[in-house]
Amino acid sequence: MSVLAPLRSLLGADVIQLPGEFDAAPRLHDQCTAAPPEARLLGLARPRSTEAVSQILKFCNANDIKVAPQGGMTGLVGGGVPIGPALALSLELMRAIEEVDPAAGAITAQAGATLEAVQVAADEAGMFFPLDIGGRGTAQIGGNASTNAGGNRVVRYGMMRALVLGMECVLADGAIVSSLNKMIKNNAGYDLKHLFIGSEGTLGVITRLVLRCMPKARSLCTALCAVKDYHGVLELLAAARSGLGATLSSFEMMEADFYRLAIKARGRPAPLAPTHGCYVLIETMGDDEGSDQARCAAVIGEAIDAGVVQDAVIAKSGAEVRELWAVRESTLDFPKPNIGFDISIPPGQMGDYTAHVKAMIEARWPGTLAVFFGHVADSNLHLAIKSNADPAWEQAVEALVYATIGEWKGSVSAEHGIGAHKKPFLQYSRTPEEVELMRTLKRALDPKGILNPGKVF
């Protein structure tokens, strides 16, 4: 008899499914992390309410059954991949948009709602939910909070942490902690939601969220600029911050190698000649289409006159906006396999850091393709390295890159979390005292260690 039989009798066979009754394969890996050899699903739980989640966790805690909370499985570090025998807990049936409140500028949604569904609900109410990532159609809003998702507009709107007003969460023992606050100002004691945002399902299971929306922009300006080198990127960033102010919503850097690969992969005419040192995609979102467009053009024109920008193109239609963004988002078209890195370095050091890492990789593995791109203004840098599909070689590359991050006082994870994959490298970004404090919180909230075991540390 299955250890889940009593729970199945309590909640029903439609909520608690046993092996053979569901497709386990998609539950054992995410976008980049394969199923570990020891992964085994005891079953799949698909509750439809917070109360059902509470009953599931209470039962699992009492019976020492490990639980792997899962969202849309769009992560990159194995955060939702079970390690050892576990019950997969999916909130995919808890996807309701429960309330849209324009007066508060807030949306209340169940954790299984997709990011795209939240964006659409905000748009239909004349509001704007600014978080945006490539997996918007499948990524669940609870998973976005659990990993403190970032994306392309962090420079203006902040990470997911800045967009959560209230939260309902279920603890390991089944206790429901509900604070569905709509207020921006609320200093009544500890702001407990921050314990769970970014904790990757190790401290509790997020079930409902109150999300902060923004006024919908009336104007959009998108431009691609070419500069000589990374010093030019920093000069352009300073000019953009000064000249565009709060309307600056994205500032995306692409090194020359990245840009050339992107253009080749897309097989379309290049927006700018692939002969420059770096490329920057700038986006502004404002309230006055005429003046905002003129302001963006003026800032870029001044940068050209100053010799900072060598060439530029400003999108004149929605199609051209999509074309410029398609170049920046073309990483999935790169030669496979490759190793991807999501790291943080202070913007002023990124140029020296990328040169340093490229030199180290070339010295140790001559001819290895390594390209950099990233959000820059929010310190997030991405690195893609062409792999030879040798696991030992990939481990050596990762050890080199992450150790270097530690030496440069950066972060081994900018926006995707630690999960299982980056556990060995957490030491490069967190002190032993910080890690021990994390463990203290884990022991306090999940003393039996049933929630997402084997993740973070």
Protein backbone atom coordinates (compact mmCIF):
# COMPACT_ATOMS: atom_id res chain seq x y z
CA MET A 1 0.00 0.00 0.00
CA SER A 2 1.22 3.50 -0.80
CA VAL A 3 2.29 5.72 2.10
CA LEU A 4 -0.03 8.30 0.55
CA ALA A 5 -3.13 6.09 0.79
CA PRO A 6 -4.61 7.84 3.86
CA LEU A 7 -4.07 11.25 2.27
CA ARG A 8 -5.62 10.04 -0.97
CA SER A 9 -8.66 8.80 0.94
CA LEU A 10 -8.97 12.19 2.65
CA LEU A 11 -8.58 14.45 -0.41
CA GLY A 12 -9.58 12.19 -3.29
CA ALA A 13 -7.83 10.45 -6.19
CA ASP A 14 -8.13 13.57 -8.33
CA VAL A 15 -5.95 15.52 -5.87
CA ILE A 16 -3.48 12.80 -4.87
CA GLN A 17 -2.27 10.75 -7.82
CA LEU A 18 0.00 7.74 -7.49
CA PRO A 19 2.85 6.61 -9.80
CA GLY A 20 1.49 5.37 -13.11
CA GLU A 21 -1.48 7.74 -12.96
CA PHE A 22 0.44 10.79 -14.22
CA ASP A 23 3.37 11.60 -16.49
CA ALA A 24 6.33 11.83 -14.13
CA ALA A 25 8.96 12.87 -16.71
CA PRO A 26 8.13 16.63 -16.80
CA ARG A 27 8.21 16.67 -12.99
CA LEU A 28 11.80 15.42 -12.79
CA HIS A 29 13.68 18.19 -14.60
CA ASP A 30 13.53 21.91 -15.36
CA GLN A 31 14.83 23.96 -18.30
CA CYS A 32 18.49 23.20 -17.61
CA THR A 33 18.71 20.56 -14.89
CA ALA A 34 18.28 16.87 -15.67
CA ALA A 35 16.70 14.44 -13.23
CA PRO A 36 19.19 13.35 -10.55
CA PRO A 37 19.73 9.57 -10.39
CA GLU A 38 18.08 9.34 -6.99
CA ALA A 39 14.95 11.29 -8.01
CA ARG A 40 11.75 9.35 -7.38
CA LEU A 41 8.19 10.59 -7.12
CA LEU A 42 5.96 8.97 -4.53
CA GLY A 43 3.03 10.70 -6.14
CA LEU A 44 1.65 14.00 -7.40
CA ALA A 45 -0.53 16.37 -5.37
CA ARG A 46 -2.64 18.92 -7.24
CA PRO A 47 -4.70 20.79 -4.63
CA ARG A 48 -7.34 23.37 -5.50
CA SER A 49 -7.28 25.39 -2.27
CA THR A 50 -5.01 26.64 0.47
CA GLU A 51 -6.84 24.39 2.92
CA ALA A 52 -5.95 21.35 0.81
CA VAL A 53 -2.30 22.42 0.71
CA SER A 54 -2.44 22.68 4.50
CA GLN A 55 -3.83 19.15 4.83
CA ILE A 56 -1.15 17.78 2.49
CA LEU A 57 1.74 19.37 4.37
CA LYS A 58 0.32 18.44 7.77
CA PHE A 59 0.10 14.80 6.67
CA CYS A 60 3.57 14.78 5.09
CA ASN A 61 5.14 16.43 8.11
CA ALA A 62 3.55 13.91 10.49
CA ASN A 63 4.71 11.00 8.31
CA ASP A 64 8.18 12.33 7.38
CA ILE A 65 7.35 12.47 3.67
CA LYS A 66 9.49 14.87 1.64
CA VAL A 67 7.69 17.43 -0.52
CA ALA A 68 8.94 19.05 -3.73
CA PRO A 69 6.89 22.22 -4.42
CA GLN A 70 6.69 22.84 -8.18
CA GLY A 71 5.62 25.79 -10.30
CA GLY A 72 5.90 25.96 -14.08
CA MET A 73 9.29 24.17 -14.02
CA THR A 74 10.83 27.02 -16.03
CA GLY A 75 13.75 27.40 -13.61
CA LEU A 76 17.40 26.90 -14.47
CA VAL A 77 18.98 25.56 -11.26
CA GLY A 78 16.89 22.51 -10.34
CA GLY A 79 14.86 24.34 -7.68
CA GLY A 80 11.72 22.28 -8.36
CA VAL A 81 13.44 19.00 -9.19
CA PRO A 82 12.95 16.37 -6.45
CA ILE A 83 16.01 14.86 -4.80
CA GLY A 84 15.31 11.39 -3.45
CA PRO A 85 11.77 10.03 -2.95
CA ALA A 86 9.28 12.89 -2.63
CA LEU A 87 5.72 13.98 -3.25
CA ALA A 88 5.53 16.55 -6.05
CA LEU A 89 3.24 19.39 -4.97
CA SER A 90 1.93 21.37 -7.95
CA LEU A 91 -0.30 24.43 -7.61
CA GLU A 92 -1.22 24.39 -11.31
CA LEU A 93 -4.95 24.06 -10.49
CA MET A 94 -4.82 27.08 -8.15
CA ARG A 95 -4.66 29.63 -10.95
CA ALA A 96 -7.50 32.02 -10.25
CA ILE A 97 -7.17 35.78 -10.51
CA GLU A 98 -9.29 36.42 -7.42
CA GLU A 99 -9.51 40.21 -7.34
CA VAL A 100 -8.42 43.21 -9.37
CA ASP A 101 -8.42 46.41 -7.30
CA PRO A 102 -7.54 49.53 -9.35
CA ALA A 103 -7.99 51.79 -6.31
CA ALA A 104 -5.22 49.95 -4.47
CA GLY A 105 -3.30 49.25 -7.66
CA ALA A 106 -3.29 45.59 -6.72
CA ILE A 107 -4.20 42.13 -7.99
CA THR A 108 -4.87 39.14 -5.75
CA ALA A 109 -4.02 35.85 -7.43
CA GLN A 110 -3.56 32.22 -6.52
CA ALA A 111 0.03 31.06 -6.78
CA GLY A 112 -0.59 28.80 -9.77
CA ALA A 113 -1.69 31.67 -12.03
CA THR A 114 0.80 32.25 -14.82
CA LEU A 115 2.75 35.48 -15.02
CA GLU A 116 1.09 36.14 -18.37
CA ALA A 117 -2.38 35.79 -16.83
CA VAL A 118 -1.48 38.41 -14.23
CA GLN A 119 -0.11 40.72 -16.94
CA VAL A 120 -3.31 40.37 -18.97
CA ALA A 121 -5.54 40.97 -15.93
CA ALA A 122 -3.60 44.13 -15.10
CA ASP A 123 -3.76 45.35 -18.68
CA GLU A 124 -7.52 44.81 -18.93
CA ALA A 125 -7.96 46.90 -15.78
CA GLY A 126 -5.87 49.75 -17.19
CA MET A 127 -2.85 48.83 -15.06
CA PHE A 128 0.59 47.38 -15.70
CA PHE A 129 2.36 44.50 -13.94
CA PRO A 130 6.02 45.12 -14.80
CA LEU A 131 7.68 41.77 -14.10
CA ASP A 132 8.47 40.09 -17.42
CA ILE A 133 10.54 37.01 -18.28
CA GLY A 134 10.76 34.76 -21.30
CA GLY A 135 8.72 31.96 -19.69
CA ARG A 136 5.77 34.25 -18.91
CA GLY A 137 3.24 31.85 -20.44
CA THR A 138 4.17 28.89 -18.23
CA ALA A 139 6.00 30.41 -15.24
CA GLN A 140 3.66 30.61 -12.24
CA ILE A 141 3.42 33.73 -10.14
CA GLY A 142 4.06 31.77 -6.94
CA GLY A 143 7.28 30.42 -8.42
CA ASN A 144 8.23 33.96 -9.46
CA ALA A 145 7.92 35.00 -5.83
CA SER A 146 9.62 31.88 -4.52
CA THR A 147 12.68 32.60 -6.67
CA ASN A 148 12.46 36.42 -6.46
CA ALA A 149 12.38 36.65 -10.26
CA GLY A 150 13.95 39.61 -12.03
CA GLY A 151 13.85 40.05 -15.79
CA ASN A 152 14.41 43.02 -18.04
CA ARG A 153 12.79 45.90 -16.14
CA VAL A 154 14.47 45.61 -12.74
CA VAL A 155 16.35 48.90 -13.27
CA ARG A 156 13.04 50.75 -12.94
CA TYR A 157 10.59 48.49 -11.10
CA GLY A 158 12.79 46.22 -9.00
CA MET A 159 12.77 42.46 -8.49
CA MET A 160 9.65 40.43 -7.64
CA ARG A 161 10.26 41.30 -3.98
CA ALA A 162 9.33 44.91 -4.75
CA LEU A 163 6.06 43.85 -6.42
CA VAL A 164 4.52 41.76 -3.62
CA LEU A 165 2.25 43.57 -1.16
CA GLY A 166 0.74 40.59 0.63
CA MET A 167 1.02 36.84 0.79
CA GLU A 168 -0.59 33.67 2.04
CA CYS A 169 1.76 30.80 2.80
CA VAL A 170 1.49 27.30 4.31
CA LEU A 171 4.22 26.16 6.67
CA ALA A 172 5.68 22.67 6.84
CA ASP A 173 3.34 21.63 9.68
CA GLY A 174 0.26 22.80 7.77
CA ALA A 175 -0.17 26.13 9.55
CA ILE A 176 -1.61 28.81 7.26
CA VAL A 177 0.02 32.23 7.56
CA SER A 178 -2.21 34.70 5.73
CA SER A 179 -1.44 38.39 5.30
CA LEU A 180 -3.15 39.45 2.10
CA ASN A 181 -2.20 43.07 2.63
CA LYS A 182 -2.97 45.65 -0.08
CA MET A 183 -1.23 48.59 1.53
CA ILE A 184 2.16 49.92 0.49
CA LYS A 185 2.73 51.25 4.01
CA ASN A 186 2.33 48.66 6.74
CA ASN A 187 4.91 48.58 9.52
CA ALA A 188 2.94 46.45 11.97
CA GLY A 189 5.75 44.16 13.11
CA TYR A 190 7.94 41.92 10.98
CA ASP A 191 7.15 41.85 7.26
CA LEU A 192 6.98 38.07 7.12
CA LYS A 193 6.46 37.78 3.37
CA HIS A 194 10.15 38.50 2.87
CA LEU A 195 11.01 35.22 4.60
CA PHE A 196 9.36 33.32 1.77
CA ILE A 197 10.21 35.49 -1.25
CA GLY A 198 13.39 34.02 -2.69
CA SER A 199 13.42 31.03 -0.30
CA GLU A 200 12.75 28.57 -3.17
CA GLY A 201 10.04 26.62 -1.37
CA THR A 202 12.32 25.60 1.51
CA LEU A 203 10.50 27.54 4.25
CA GLY A 204 6.87 27.35 3.17
CA VAL A 205 4.55 26.97 0.19
CA ILE A 206 3.16 30.23 -1.21
CA THR A 207 -0.53 29.83 -2.08
CA ARG A 208 -1.87 33.35 -2.75
CA LEU A 209 -0.34 36.74 -3.48
CA VAL A 210 -1.33 40.39 -3.55
CA LEU A 211 0.67 41.94 -6.37
CA ARG A 212 1.51 45.60 -6.82
CA CYS A 213 0.64 47.06 -10.22
CA MET A 214 1.78 50.29 -11.83
CA PRO A 215 0.12 52.86 -14.07
CA LYS A 216 0.09 51.78 -17.68
CA ALA A 217 2.68 53.63 -19.78
CA ARG A 218 1.36 55.81 -22.60
CA SER A 219 4.59 55.83 -24.56
CA LEU A 220 7.38 53.41 -25.40
CA CYS A 221 10.72 54.19 -26.97
CA THR A 222 13.13 51.41 -27.94
CA ALA A 223 16.57 52.01 -29.39
CA LEU A 224 19.68 49.98 -30.21
CA CYS A 225 23.01 51.76 -29.83
CA ALA A 226 26.53 50.71 -30.81
CA VAL A 227 29.51 51.81 -28.71
CA LYS A 228 33.24 51.21 -28.97
CA ASP A 229 33.77 49.20 -25.79
CA TYR A 230 32.48 48.60 -22.28
CA HIS A 231 33.71 52.01 -21.16
CA GLY A 232 31.31 53.39 -23.75
CA VAL A 233 28.52 51.28 -22.21
CA LEU A 234 29.10 52.95 -18.84
CA GLU A 235 29.21 56.41 -20.41
CA LEU A 236 25.92 55.71 -22.19
CA LEU A 237 24.38 54.39 -18.97
CA ALA A 238 25.33 57.61 -17.16
CA ALA A 239 23.84 59.67 -19.99
CA ALA A 240 20.65 57.57 -20.03
CA ARG A 241 20.15 57.84 -16.29
CA SER A 242 20.72 61.58 -16.34
CA GLY A 243 18.74 62.37 -19.49
CA LEU A 244 15.91 59.84 -19.26
CA GLY A 245 15.43 59.72 -15.51
CA ALA A 246 12.57 57.58 -14.24
CA THR A 247 11.41 56.69 -17.77
CA LEU A 248 14.43 54.38 -18.27
CA SER A 249 12.98 50.87 -17.97
CA SER A 250 15.61 48.63 -19.62
CA PHE A 251 19.31 48.89 -20.39
CA GLU A 252 20.56 45.69 -22.02
CA MET A 253 24.20 45.16 -23.04
CA MET A 254 25.44 42.72 -25.68
CA GLU A 255 29.12 42.14 -26.36
CA ALA A 256 30.26 41.99 -29.98
CA ASP A 257 30.53 38.18 -30.06
CA PHE A 258 27.01 37.83 -28.68
CA TYR A 259 25.61 40.28 -31.21
CA ARG A 260 27.27 38.58 -34.15
CA LEU A 261 26.04 35.15 -33.04
CA ALA A 262 22.53 36.53 -32.53
CA ILE A 263 22.42 38.05 -36.00
CA LYS A 264 23.77 34.87 -37.58
CA ALA A 265 21.29 32.67 -35.69
CA ARG A 266 18.33 34.82 -36.69
CA GLY A 267 19.26 34.93 -40.36
CA ARG A 268 17.81 38.43 -40.75
CA PRO A 269 19.44 41.76 -41.65
CA ALA A 270 21.36 43.26 -38.77
CA PRO A 271 19.78 46.42 -37.25
CA LEU A 272 23.32 47.80 -36.89
CA ALA A 273 26.55 46.68 -38.52
CA PRO A 274 28.24 43.87 -36.54
CA THR A 275 31.56 45.76 -36.39
CA HIS A 276 31.33 47.53 -33.04
CA GLY A 277 32.64 46.56 -29.61
CA CYS A 278 29.35 46.53 -27.66
CA TYR A 279 25.64 47.05 -28.27
CA VAL A 280 23.05 48.48 -25.89
CA LEU A 281 19.28 48.09 -26.10
CA ILE A 282 17.53 50.98 -24.35
CA GLU A 283 13.84 51.09 -23.50
CA THR A 284 11.88 53.93 -21.94
CA MET A 285 8.29 53.92 -20.71
CA GLY A 286 6.60 57.25 -20.12
CA ASP A 287 3.39 59.29 -20.10
CA ASP A 288 3.73 61.60 -23.11
CA GLU A 289 4.41 59.93 -26.44
CA GLY A 290 5.56 63.07 -28.25
CA SER A 291 7.91 64.45 -25.63
CA ASP A 292 9.16 61.03 -24.51
CA GLN A 293 10.18 60.05 -28.04
CA ALA A 294 11.86 63.40 -28.56
CA ARG A 295 13.64 63.11 -25.22
CA CYS A 296 14.96 59.62 -26.01
CA ALA A 297 16.14 60.73 -29.46
CA ALA A 298 17.81 63.81 -27.95
CA VAL A 299 19.73 61.78 -25.35
CA ILE A 300 20.98 59.37 -28.02
CA GLY A 301 21.80 62.27 -30.35
CA GLU A 302 23.85 63.98 -27.65
CA ALA A 303 25.70 60.71 -27.03
CA ILE A 304 26.48 60.48 -30.75
CA ASP A 305 27.75 64.08 -30.78
CA ALA A 306 29.92 63.33 -27.75
CA GLY A 307 31.47 60.32 -29.52
CA VAL A 308 30.02 57.85 -27.01
CA VAL A 309 27.55 56.24 -29.44
CA GLN A 310 28.95 55.25 -32.82
CA ASP A 311 25.67 54.27 -34.46
CA ALA A 312 22.03 53.90 -33.41
CA VAL A 313 18.56 52.97 -34.58
CA ILE A 314 15.27 53.93 -32.92
CA ALA A 315 12.25 51.68 -33.47
CA LYS A 316 9.41 53.39 -35.35
CA SER A 317 6.78 50.65 -35.03
CA GLY A 318 5.75 47.76 -32.84
CA ALA A 319 7.28 45.37 -35.36
CA GLU A 320 10.63 47.15 -35.12
CA VAL A 321 10.45 47.07 -31.31
CA ARG A 322 9.92 43.30 -31.42
CA GLU A 323 12.78 42.92 -33.90
CA LEU A 324 15.26 44.74 -31.66
CA TRP A 325 14.21 42.75 -28.61
CA ALA A 326 14.42 39.51 -30.62
CA VAL A 327 18.14 40.13 -31.09
CA ARG A 328 18.67 40.49 -27.35
CA GLU A 329 16.52 37.43 -26.56
CA SER A 330 18.07 35.13 -29.15
CA THR A 331 20.18 33.13 -26.69
CA LEU A 332 18.08 30.02 -27.25
CA ASP A 333 19.35 29.99 -30.85
CA PHE A 334 23.00 29.69 -29.83
CA PRO A 335 24.99 26.51 -30.64
CA LYS A 336 24.15 23.67 -28.27
CA PRO A 337 25.14 22.46 -25.86
CA ASN A 338 26.27 25.46 -23.85
CA ILE A 339 26.70 26.34 -20.20
CA GLY A 340 24.76 29.37 -18.99
CA PHE A 341 25.69 31.56 -16.04
CA ASP A 342 23.45 34.03 -14.22
CA ILE A 343 25.73 36.18 -12.07
CA SER A 344 26.03 39.67 -10.58
CA ILE A 345 28.96 42.05 -10.68
CA PRO A 346 28.90 45.78 -9.86
CA PRO A 347 28.36 47.59 -13.20
CA GLY A 348 31.60 49.54 -12.93
CA GLN A 349 33.61 46.31 -12.79
CA MET A 350 31.83 44.32 -15.50
CA GLY A 351 34.20 45.29 -18.31
CA ASP A 352 37.31 44.27 -16.38
CA TYR A 353 35.59 41.13 -15.11
CA THR A 354 34.53 39.89 -18.54
CA ALA A 355 38.03 40.48 -19.93
CA HIS A 356 39.52 38.61 -16.97
CA VAL A 357 37.22 35.60 -17.30
CA LYS A 358 37.67 35.38 -21.07
CA ALA A 359 41.45 35.43 -20.65
CA MET A 360 41.31 32.67 -18.01
CA ILE A 361 39.08 30.47 -20.15
CA GLU A 362 41.18 31.01 -23.27
CA ALA A 363 44.40 30.25 -21.38
CA ARG A 364 43.06 26.99 -19.99
CA TRP A 365 40.87 25.89 -22.91
CA PRO A 366 42.06 27.65 -26.09
CA GLY A 367 39.39 28.35 -28.67
CA THR A 368 36.43 28.04 -26.28
CA LEU A 369 33.56 30.33 -27.25
CA ALA A 370 32.40 32.55 -24.36
CA VAL A 371 29.94 35.41 -24.80
CA PHE A 372 28.61 37.97 -22.33
CA PHE A 373 25.35 39.88 -22.24
CA GLY A 374 23.19 41.27 -19.48
CA HIS A 375 21.05 43.89 -17.85
CA VAL A 376 24.10 45.94 -16.65
CA ALA A 377 22.16 48.72 -14.89
CA ASP A 378 20.91 46.25 -12.27
CA SER A 379 24.33 44.48 -12.07
CA ASN A 380 23.09 41.26 -13.73
CA LEU A 381 25.50 39.64 -16.18
CA HIS A 382 24.93 36.49 -18.22
CA LEU A 383 27.68 34.31 -19.65
CA ALA A 384 27.21 31.53 -22.20
CA ILE A 385 30.09 29.12 -22.91
CA LYS A 386 30.01 26.62 -25.76
CA SER A 387 30.23 23.17 -24.20
CA ASN A 388 31.89 20.03 -25.51
CA ALA A 389 29.26 17.92 -23.67
CA ASP A 390 31.84 16.49 -21.26
CA PRO A 391 30.39 16.67 -17.72
CA ALA A 392 33.84 16.74 -16.12
CA TRP A 393 34.86 19.64 -18.37
CA GLU A 394 31.64 21.52 -17.56
CA GLN A 395 32.26 21.08 -13.83
CA ALA A 396 35.78 22.46 -14.23
CA VAL A 397 34.46 25.49 -16.12
CA GLU A 398 31.80 26.16 -13.49
CA ALA A 399 34.31 25.84 -10.66
CA LEU A 400 36.57 28.38 -12.37
CA VAL A 401 33.83 30.91 -13.11
CA TYR A 402 32.15 30.75 -9.70
CA ALA A 403 35.45 30.93 -7.80
CA THR A 404 36.26 34.05 -9.82
CA ILE A 405 32.89 35.54 -8.84
CA GLY A 406 33.90 35.08 -5.21
CA GLU A 407 37.20 36.84 -5.78
CA TRP A 408 35.38 39.79 -7.36
CA LYS A 409 32.82 39.97 -4.49
CA GLY A 410 29.92 39.29 -6.84
CA SER A 411 26.95 36.94 -6.61
CA VAL A 412 26.78 33.43 -8.06
CA SER A 413 23.06 33.96 -8.65
CA ALA A 414 21.52 37.20 -9.85
CA GLU A 415 17.93 36.14 -10.51
CA HIS A 416 17.46 32.37 -10.76
CA GLY A 417 18.25 31.28 -7.20
CA ILE A 418 20.53 28.51 -5.90
CA GLY A 419 18.35 25.41 -6.19
CA ALA A 420 20.32 22.18 -6.24
CA HIS A 421 22.75 23.08 -8.99
CA LYS A 422 24.50 26.03 -7.32
CA LYS A 423 24.72 24.64 -3.79
CA PRO A 424 28.48 23.98 -3.99
CA PHE A 425 29.07 27.60 -4.97
CA LEU A 426 26.95 29.43 -2.39
CA GLN A 427 30.11 29.79 -0.30
CA TYR A 428 31.51 32.26 -2.82
CA SER A 429 28.69 34.74 -2.19
CA ARG A 430 27.63 34.12 1.41
CA THR A 431 29.73 34.01 4.57
CA PRO A 432 29.59 30.98 6.91
CA GLU A 433 27.67 33.15 9.38
CA GLU A 434 25.05 34.03 6.76
CA VAL A 435 24.61 30.38 5.76
CA GLU A 436 24.25 29.35 9.41
CA LEU A 437 21.54 31.99 9.89
CA MET A 438 19.74 30.55 6.86
CA ARG A 439 19.97 27.10 8.43
CA THR A 440 18.58 28.50 11.69
CA LEU A 441 15.55 29.85 9.86
CA LYS A 442 15.12 26.51 8.08
CA ARG A 443 15.25 24.58 11.36
CA ALA A 444 12.74 26.95 12.97
CA LEU A 445 10.16 26.79 10.19
CA ASP A 446 10.75 23.25 8.92
CA PRO A 447 12.34 21.24 11.77
CA LYS A 448 11.85 17.91 10.02
CA GLY A 449 13.28 19.19 6.75
CA ILE A 450 10.41 18.01 4.56
CA LEU A 451 10.17 21.09 2.31
CA ASN A 452 12.23 20.94 -0.88
CA PRO A 453 15.14 19.07 0.73
CA GLY A 454 18.57 19.35 -0.82
CA LYS A 455 18.06 22.90 -2.09
CA VAL A 456 19.97 26.13 -1.37
CA PHE A 457 22.40 24.62 1.19
